[in-house]
Amino acid sequence: MLAKTNRLTKDKDFNNVFKKGRSSFDKLIGIKAVPDQQENSRFGILVSSKISKKAVERNKIKRQIREIIRLQLDKIKSGYDIVIITLPEILGKNYQEIEQSVDRNLQKLKLIK
C-alpha cells in the first residue's frame, strides 16, 4: 500500500495536474505529471466505471497499479504530482503487461531517475 505522503487526495491537486501537466498515453494507461514543491512524488489513480461496471474489477486494477508504483518508488523522481488514468484496454491484462505500460509511460515523461 502506498504511504499517505505519496497519495493525491484533493480535487484541487487533481485539477492542477489535468490543467498544467505533461502527458503520455498508450493503449492501457495514460499518465499526467506536473512538478510540485513537495519532497515526495504523489500519485492518483483513476479507474472509471466505463472500464468496468463491477467495483471488484476496478479495485483490482487500482491495487495492481499501486503495487507497481510502490515497488518502483525509489526509481521515480521526487517532487511530482502524477495521475494515472486507465483506459478500457486494461481490462483482462495481466500484472506484467500493466507494469510494462507504466514503465514505458514514466520513461517517456522522463520521470525515472
N, C-alpha and C. Protein backbone atom coordinates (compact mmCIF):
# COMPACT_ATOMS: atom_id res chain seq x y z
N MET A 1 0.84 -1.19 0.00
CA MET A 1 0.00 0.00 0.00
C MET A 1 0.88 1.24 0.00
N LEU A 2 0.46 2.23 -0.75
CA LEU A 2 1.20 3.49 -0.81
C LEU A 2 1.04 4.27 0.49
N ALA A 3 2.12 4.87 0.93
CA ALA A 3 2.06 5.70 2.13
C ALA A 3 1.20 6.92 1.86
N LYS A 4 0.63 7.46 2.91
CA LYS A 4 -0.26 8.62 2.79
C LYS A 4 0.46 9.82 2.15
N THR A 5 1.75 9.94 2.39
CA THR A 5 2.52 11.06 1.82
C THR A 5 2.69 10.92 0.31
N ASN A 6 2.43 9.74 -0.23
CA ASN A 6 2.58 9.50 -1.67
C ASN A 6 1.24 9.45 -2.41
N ARG A 7 0.17 9.97 -1.80
CA ARG A 7 -1.14 9.91 -2.43
C ARG A 7 -1.67 11.30 -2.72
N LEU A 8 -2.29 11.45 -3.88
CA LEU A 8 -3.05 12.65 -4.20
C LEU A 8 -4.47 12.42 -3.71
N THR A 9 -5.01 13.33 -2.93
CA THR A 9 -6.34 13.12 -2.40
C THR A 9 -7.31 14.26 -2.73
N LYS A 10 -6.81 15.46 -2.86
CA LYS A 10 -7.70 16.61 -3.02
C LYS A 10 -8.03 16.86 -4.50
N ASP A 11 -9.28 17.26 -4.75
CA ASP A 11 -9.71 17.59 -6.11
C ASP A 11 -8.86 18.71 -6.69
N LYS A 12 -8.47 19.65 -5.85
CA LYS A 12 -7.65 20.78 -6.28
C LYS A 12 -6.33 20.28 -6.90
N ASP A 13 -5.72 19.27 -6.28
CA ASP A 13 -4.46 18.72 -6.78
C ASP A 13 -4.67 17.99 -8.11
N PHE A 14 -5.75 17.21 -8.20
CA PHE A 14 -6.07 16.51 -9.45
C PHE A 14 -6.29 17.52 -10.58
N ASN A 15 -7.07 18.57 -10.30
CA ASN A 15 -7.35 19.59 -11.32
C ASN A 15 -6.09 20.29 -11.78
N ASN A 16 -5.18 20.56 -10.85
CA ASN A 16 -3.90 21.19 -11.19
C ASN A 16 -3.11 20.31 -12.16
N VAL A 17 -3.07 19.02 -11.91
CA VAL A 17 -2.35 18.09 -12.78
C VAL A 17 -2.99 18.07 -14.16
N PHE A 18 -4.32 18.03 -14.22
CA PHE A 18 -5.00 17.98 -15.51
C PHE A 18 -4.81 19.27 -16.30
N LYS A 19 -4.76 20.42 -15.63
CA LYS A 19 -4.61 21.69 -16.34
C LYS A 19 -3.18 21.94 -16.80
N LYS A 20 -2.20 21.65 -15.94
CA LYS A 20 -0.82 22.06 -16.21
C LYS A 20 0.13 20.92 -16.55
N GLY A 21 -0.34 19.68 -16.43
CA GLY A 21 0.57 18.55 -16.54
C GLY A 21 0.92 18.14 -17.96
N ARG A 22 2.10 17.52 -18.09
CA ARG A 22 2.50 16.88 -19.35
C ARG A 22 1.92 15.48 -19.34
N SER A 23 1.67 14.92 -20.53
CA SER A 23 1.02 13.61 -20.55
C SER A 23 1.69 12.65 -21.50
N SER A 24 1.47 11.37 -21.23
CA SER A 24 1.93 10.28 -22.08
C SER A 24 0.87 9.18 -22.01
N PHE A 25 0.42 8.72 -23.17
CA PHE A 25 -0.62 7.70 -23.23
C PHE A 25 -0.18 6.54 -24.11
N ASP A 26 -0.64 5.36 -23.79
CA ASP A 26 -0.56 4.21 -24.69
C ASP A 26 -1.91 3.50 -24.65
N LYS A 27 -1.96 2.24 -25.07
CA LYS A 27 -3.25 1.55 -25.17
C LYS A 27 -3.89 1.26 -23.80
N LEU A 28 -3.05 1.03 -22.76
CA LEU A 28 -3.57 0.62 -21.46
C LEU A 28 -3.81 1.77 -20.50
N ILE A 29 -2.82 2.66 -20.40
CA ILE A 29 -2.92 3.75 -19.41
C ILE A 29 -2.41 5.05 -19.99
N GLY A 30 -2.74 6.12 -19.30
CA GLY A 30 -2.17 7.43 -19.57
C GLY A 30 -1.65 7.99 -18.27
N ILE A 31 -0.57 8.76 -18.37
CA ILE A 31 0.00 9.39 -17.17
C ILE A 31 0.11 10.88 -17.42
N LYS A 32 -0.35 11.66 -16.46
CA LYS A 32 -0.18 13.11 -16.48
C LYS A 32 0.66 13.48 -15.26
N ALA A 33 1.65 14.34 -15.47
CA ALA A 33 2.55 14.71 -14.36
C ALA A 33 2.86 16.20 -14.40
N VAL A 34 2.99 16.77 -13.21
CA VAL A 34 3.34 18.18 -13.08
C VAL A 34 4.31 18.31 -11.90
N PRO A 35 5.38 19.13 -12.05
CA PRO A 35 6.29 19.33 -10.91
C PRO A 35 5.57 20.01 -9.75
N ASP A 36 5.99 19.67 -8.54
CA ASP A 36 5.36 20.22 -7.34
C ASP A 36 6.45 20.54 -6.33
N GLN A 37 6.12 21.29 -5.32
CA GLN A 37 7.10 21.69 -4.30
C GLN A 37 7.25 20.66 -3.18
N GLN A 38 6.54 19.54 -3.27
CA GLN A 38 6.64 18.50 -2.24
C GLN A 38 7.98 17.78 -2.35
N GLU A 39 8.43 17.18 -1.26
CA GLU A 39 9.67 16.41 -1.33
C GLU A 39 9.41 14.99 -1.84
N ASN A 40 8.18 14.51 -1.77
CA ASN A 40 7.82 13.19 -2.29
C ASN A 40 6.95 13.36 -3.53
N SER A 41 7.01 12.38 -4.42
CA SER A 41 6.06 12.35 -5.53
C SER A 41 4.75 11.80 -5.00
N ARG A 42 3.65 12.38 -5.50
CA ARG A 42 2.33 11.93 -5.08
C ARG A 42 1.59 11.38 -6.29
N PHE A 43 0.79 10.33 -6.06
CA PHE A 43 0.12 9.63 -7.14
C PHE A 43 -1.38 9.58 -6.91
N GLY A 44 -2.12 9.69 -8.01
CA GLY A 44 -3.55 9.47 -8.01
C GLY A 44 -3.87 8.49 -9.12
N ILE A 45 -4.82 7.61 -8.89
CA ILE A 45 -5.17 6.59 -9.87
C ILE A 45 -6.66 6.71 -10.19
N LEU A 46 -6.98 6.83 -11.48
CA LEU A 46 -8.36 6.95 -11.91
C LEU A 46 -8.75 5.72 -12.70
N VAL A 47 -9.77 5.01 -12.21
CA VAL A 47 -10.34 3.87 -12.93
C VAL A 47 -11.83 4.15 -13.04
N SER A 48 -12.26 4.51 -14.22
CA SER A 48 -13.64 4.92 -14.45
C SER A 48 -14.58 3.72 -14.47
N SER A 49 -15.84 4.00 -14.24
CA SER A 49 -16.83 2.93 -14.35
C SER A 49 -17.06 2.54 -15.81
N LYS A 50 -16.48 3.31 -16.75
CA LYS A 50 -16.50 2.92 -18.16
C LYS A 50 -15.60 1.71 -18.40
N ILE A 51 -14.60 1.55 -17.55
CA ILE A 51 -13.70 0.39 -17.65
C ILE A 51 -14.47 -0.88 -17.34
N SER A 52 -15.17 -0.86 -16.21
CA SER A 52 -15.99 -2.00 -15.82
C SER A 52 -17.07 -1.50 -14.86
N LYS A 53 -18.23 -2.06 -14.96
CA LYS A 53 -19.31 -1.70 -14.04
C LYS A 53 -19.10 -2.35 -12.68
N LYS A 54 -18.23 -3.36 -12.62
CA LYS A 54 -18.01 -4.10 -11.37
C LYS A 54 -16.90 -3.45 -10.56
N ALA A 55 -17.23 -3.05 -9.34
CA ALA A 55 -16.25 -2.41 -8.46
C ALA A 55 -15.09 -3.35 -8.14
N VAL A 56 -15.35 -4.65 -8.10
CA VAL A 56 -14.31 -5.63 -7.81
C VAL A 56 -13.20 -5.54 -8.85
N GLU A 57 -13.57 -5.45 -10.11
CA GLU A 57 -12.58 -5.38 -11.18
C GLU A 57 -11.84 -4.05 -11.17
N ARG A 58 -12.56 -2.95 -10.92
CA ARG A 58 -11.90 -1.64 -10.87
C ARG A 58 -10.91 -1.58 -9.71
N ASN A 59 -11.30 -2.11 -8.55
CA ASN A 59 -10.42 -2.10 -7.39
C ASN A 59 -9.20 -2.97 -7.59
N LYS A 60 -9.35 -4.10 -8.29
CA LYS A 60 -8.21 -4.96 -8.58
C LYS A 60 -7.18 -4.22 -9.42
N ILE A 61 -7.64 -3.48 -10.42
CA ILE A 61 -6.74 -2.69 -11.27
C ILE A 61 -6.03 -1.64 -10.43
N LYS A 62 -6.76 -0.96 -9.56
CA LYS A 62 -6.14 0.06 -8.69
C LYS A 62 -5.07 -0.55 -7.80
N ARG A 63 -5.36 -1.71 -7.21
CA ARG A 63 -4.39 -2.37 -6.33
C ARG A 63 -3.13 -2.76 -7.09
N GLN A 64 -3.30 -3.26 -8.31
CA GLN A 64 -2.14 -3.65 -9.11
C GLN A 64 -1.28 -2.43 -9.43
N ILE A 65 -1.89 -1.34 -9.82
CA ILE A 65 -1.13 -0.13 -10.16
C ILE A 65 -0.44 0.44 -8.92
N ARG A 66 -1.12 0.44 -7.78
CA ARG A 66 -0.50 0.92 -6.54
C ARG A 66 0.73 0.09 -6.18
N GLU A 67 0.64 -1.21 -6.36
CA GLU A 67 1.77 -2.09 -6.05
C GLU A 67 2.93 -1.83 -7.00
N ILE A 68 2.66 -1.63 -8.27
CA ILE A 68 3.70 -1.30 -9.24
C ILE A 68 4.42 -0.03 -8.82
N ILE A 69 3.66 0.98 -8.44
CA ILE A 69 4.25 2.25 -8.01
C ILE A 69 5.05 2.07 -6.73
N ARG A 70 4.51 1.35 -5.78
CA ARG A 70 5.20 1.15 -4.50
C ARG A 70 6.55 0.49 -4.70
N LEU A 71 6.61 -0.49 -5.58
CA LEU A 71 7.87 -1.19 -5.81
C LEU A 71 8.88 -0.34 -6.57
N GLN A 72 8.42 0.64 -7.34
CA GLN A 72 9.32 1.46 -8.14
C GLN A 72 9.51 2.86 -7.57
N LEU A 73 9.01 3.09 -6.38
CA LEU A 73 9.02 4.43 -5.80
C LEU A 73 10.43 5.01 -5.70
N ASP A 74 11.42 4.18 -5.41
CA ASP A 74 12.79 4.69 -5.28
C ASP A 74 13.39 5.07 -6.63
N LYS A 75 12.86 4.55 -7.74
CA LYS A 75 13.36 4.88 -9.09
C LYS A 75 12.69 6.12 -9.67
N ILE A 76 11.53 6.49 -9.13
CA ILE A 76 10.76 7.62 -9.67
C ILE A 76 11.26 8.92 -9.05
N LYS A 77 11.46 9.94 -9.89
CA LYS A 77 11.93 11.23 -9.40
C LYS A 77 10.96 11.79 -8.38
N SER A 78 11.48 12.47 -7.39
CA SER A 78 10.61 13.05 -6.36
C SER A 78 10.22 14.47 -6.76
N GLY A 79 9.16 14.97 -6.14
CA GLY A 79 8.70 16.33 -6.39
C GLY A 79 7.71 16.45 -7.53
N TYR A 80 6.98 15.40 -7.83
CA TYR A 80 5.98 15.44 -8.89
C TYR A 80 4.62 14.99 -8.37
N ASP A 81 3.57 15.58 -8.95
CA ASP A 81 2.21 15.07 -8.76
C ASP A 81 1.88 14.31 -10.04
N ILE A 82 1.49 13.04 -9.90
CA ILE A 82 1.28 12.17 -11.04
C ILE A 82 -0.11 11.55 -10.95
N VAL A 83 -0.86 11.62 -12.06
CA VAL A 83 -2.17 10.97 -12.13
C VAL A 83 -2.10 9.90 -13.20
N ILE A 84 -2.51 8.69 -12.84
CA ILE A 84 -2.53 7.57 -13.77
C ILE A 84 -3.99 7.31 -14.16
N ILE A 85 -4.25 7.39 -15.45
CA ILE A 85 -5.61 7.24 -15.98
C ILE A 85 -5.67 5.91 -16.73
N THR A 86 -6.59 5.06 -16.36
CA THR A 86 -6.70 3.77 -17.04
C THR A 86 -7.65 3.89 -18.22
N LEU A 87 -7.37 3.10 -19.24
CA LEU A 87 -8.19 3.06 -20.45
C LEU A 87 -8.86 1.69 -20.56
N PRO A 88 -9.94 1.57 -21.31
CA PRO A 88 -10.70 0.31 -21.36
C PRO A 88 -9.90 -0.93 -21.75
N GLU A 89 -8.82 -0.79 -22.51
CA GLU A 89 -8.00 -1.92 -22.92
C GLU A 89 -7.35 -2.65 -21.74
N ILE A 90 -7.26 -2.00 -20.58
CA ILE A 90 -6.57 -2.58 -19.43
C ILE A 90 -7.31 -3.79 -18.87
N LEU A 91 -8.60 -3.86 -19.11
CA LEU A 91 -9.40 -4.95 -18.58
C LEU A 91 -8.94 -6.28 -19.17
N GLY A 92 -8.61 -7.22 -18.30
CA GLY A 92 -8.17 -8.55 -18.74
C GLY A 92 -6.67 -8.66 -18.94
N LYS A 93 -5.91 -7.58 -18.77
CA LYS A 93 -4.45 -7.64 -18.91
C LYS A 93 -3.85 -8.14 -17.61
N ASN A 94 -2.71 -8.82 -17.73
CA ASN A 94 -2.07 -9.33 -16.52
C ASN A 94 -1.13 -8.28 -15.92
N TYR A 95 -0.60 -8.58 -14.76
CA TYR A 95 0.22 -7.66 -13.98
C TYR A 95 1.44 -7.19 -14.78
N GLN A 96 2.11 -8.12 -15.47
CA GLN A 96 3.33 -7.77 -16.20
C GLN A 96 3.05 -6.78 -17.33
N GLU A 97 1.94 -6.95 -18.02
CA GLU A 97 1.59 -6.03 -19.10
C GLU A 97 1.30 -4.63 -18.56
N ILE A 98 0.62 -4.57 -17.44
CA ILE A 98 0.34 -3.27 -16.82
C ILE A 98 1.63 -2.62 -16.35
N GLU A 99 2.51 -3.42 -15.75
CA GLU A 99 3.80 -2.91 -15.27
C GLU A 99 4.63 -2.34 -16.42
N GLN A 100 4.68 -3.03 -17.55
CA GLN A 100 5.42 -2.55 -18.71
C GLN A 100 4.84 -1.24 -19.23
N SER A 101 3.53 -1.13 -19.23
CA SER A 101 2.87 0.08 -19.69
C SER A 101 3.21 1.27 -18.78
N VAL A 102 3.17 1.05 -17.46
CA VAL A 102 3.52 2.11 -16.51
C VAL A 102 4.97 2.53 -16.71
N ASP A 103 5.89 1.57 -16.83
CA ASP A 103 7.30 1.87 -17.05
C ASP A 103 7.51 2.69 -18.32
N ARG A 104 6.89 2.24 -19.39
CA ARG A 104 7.04 2.90 -20.69
C ARG A 104 6.60 4.36 -20.60
N ASN A 105 5.46 4.61 -19.98
CA ASN A 105 4.95 5.98 -19.89
C ASN A 105 5.77 6.84 -18.95
N LEU A 106 6.26 6.28 -17.86
CA LEU A 106 7.13 7.05 -16.96
C LEU A 106 8.43 7.42 -17.65
N GLN A 107 8.97 6.52 -18.46
CA GLN A 107 10.21 6.81 -19.19
C GLN A 107 9.97 7.88 -20.25
N LYS A 108 8.82 7.86 -20.92
CA LYS A 108 8.50 8.89 -21.92
C LYS A 108 8.49 10.26 -21.29
N LEU A 109 7.97 10.34 -20.05
CA LEU A 109 7.88 11.63 -19.36
C LEU A 109 9.17 11.96 -18.60
N LYS A 110 10.18 11.10 -18.71
CA LYS A 110 11.48 11.28 -18.03
C LYS A 110 11.32 11.43 -16.52
N LEU A 111 10.48 10.56 -15.94
CA LEU A 111 10.26 10.57 -14.51
C LEU A 111 11.04 9.47 -13.79
N ILE A 112 11.81 8.69 -14.54
CA ILE A 112 12.66 7.65 -13.96
C ILE A 112 14.05 8.24 -13.75
N LYS A 113 14.61 8.00 -12.57
CA LYS A 113 15.96 8.52 -12.26
C LYS A 113 17.00 7.85 -13.13
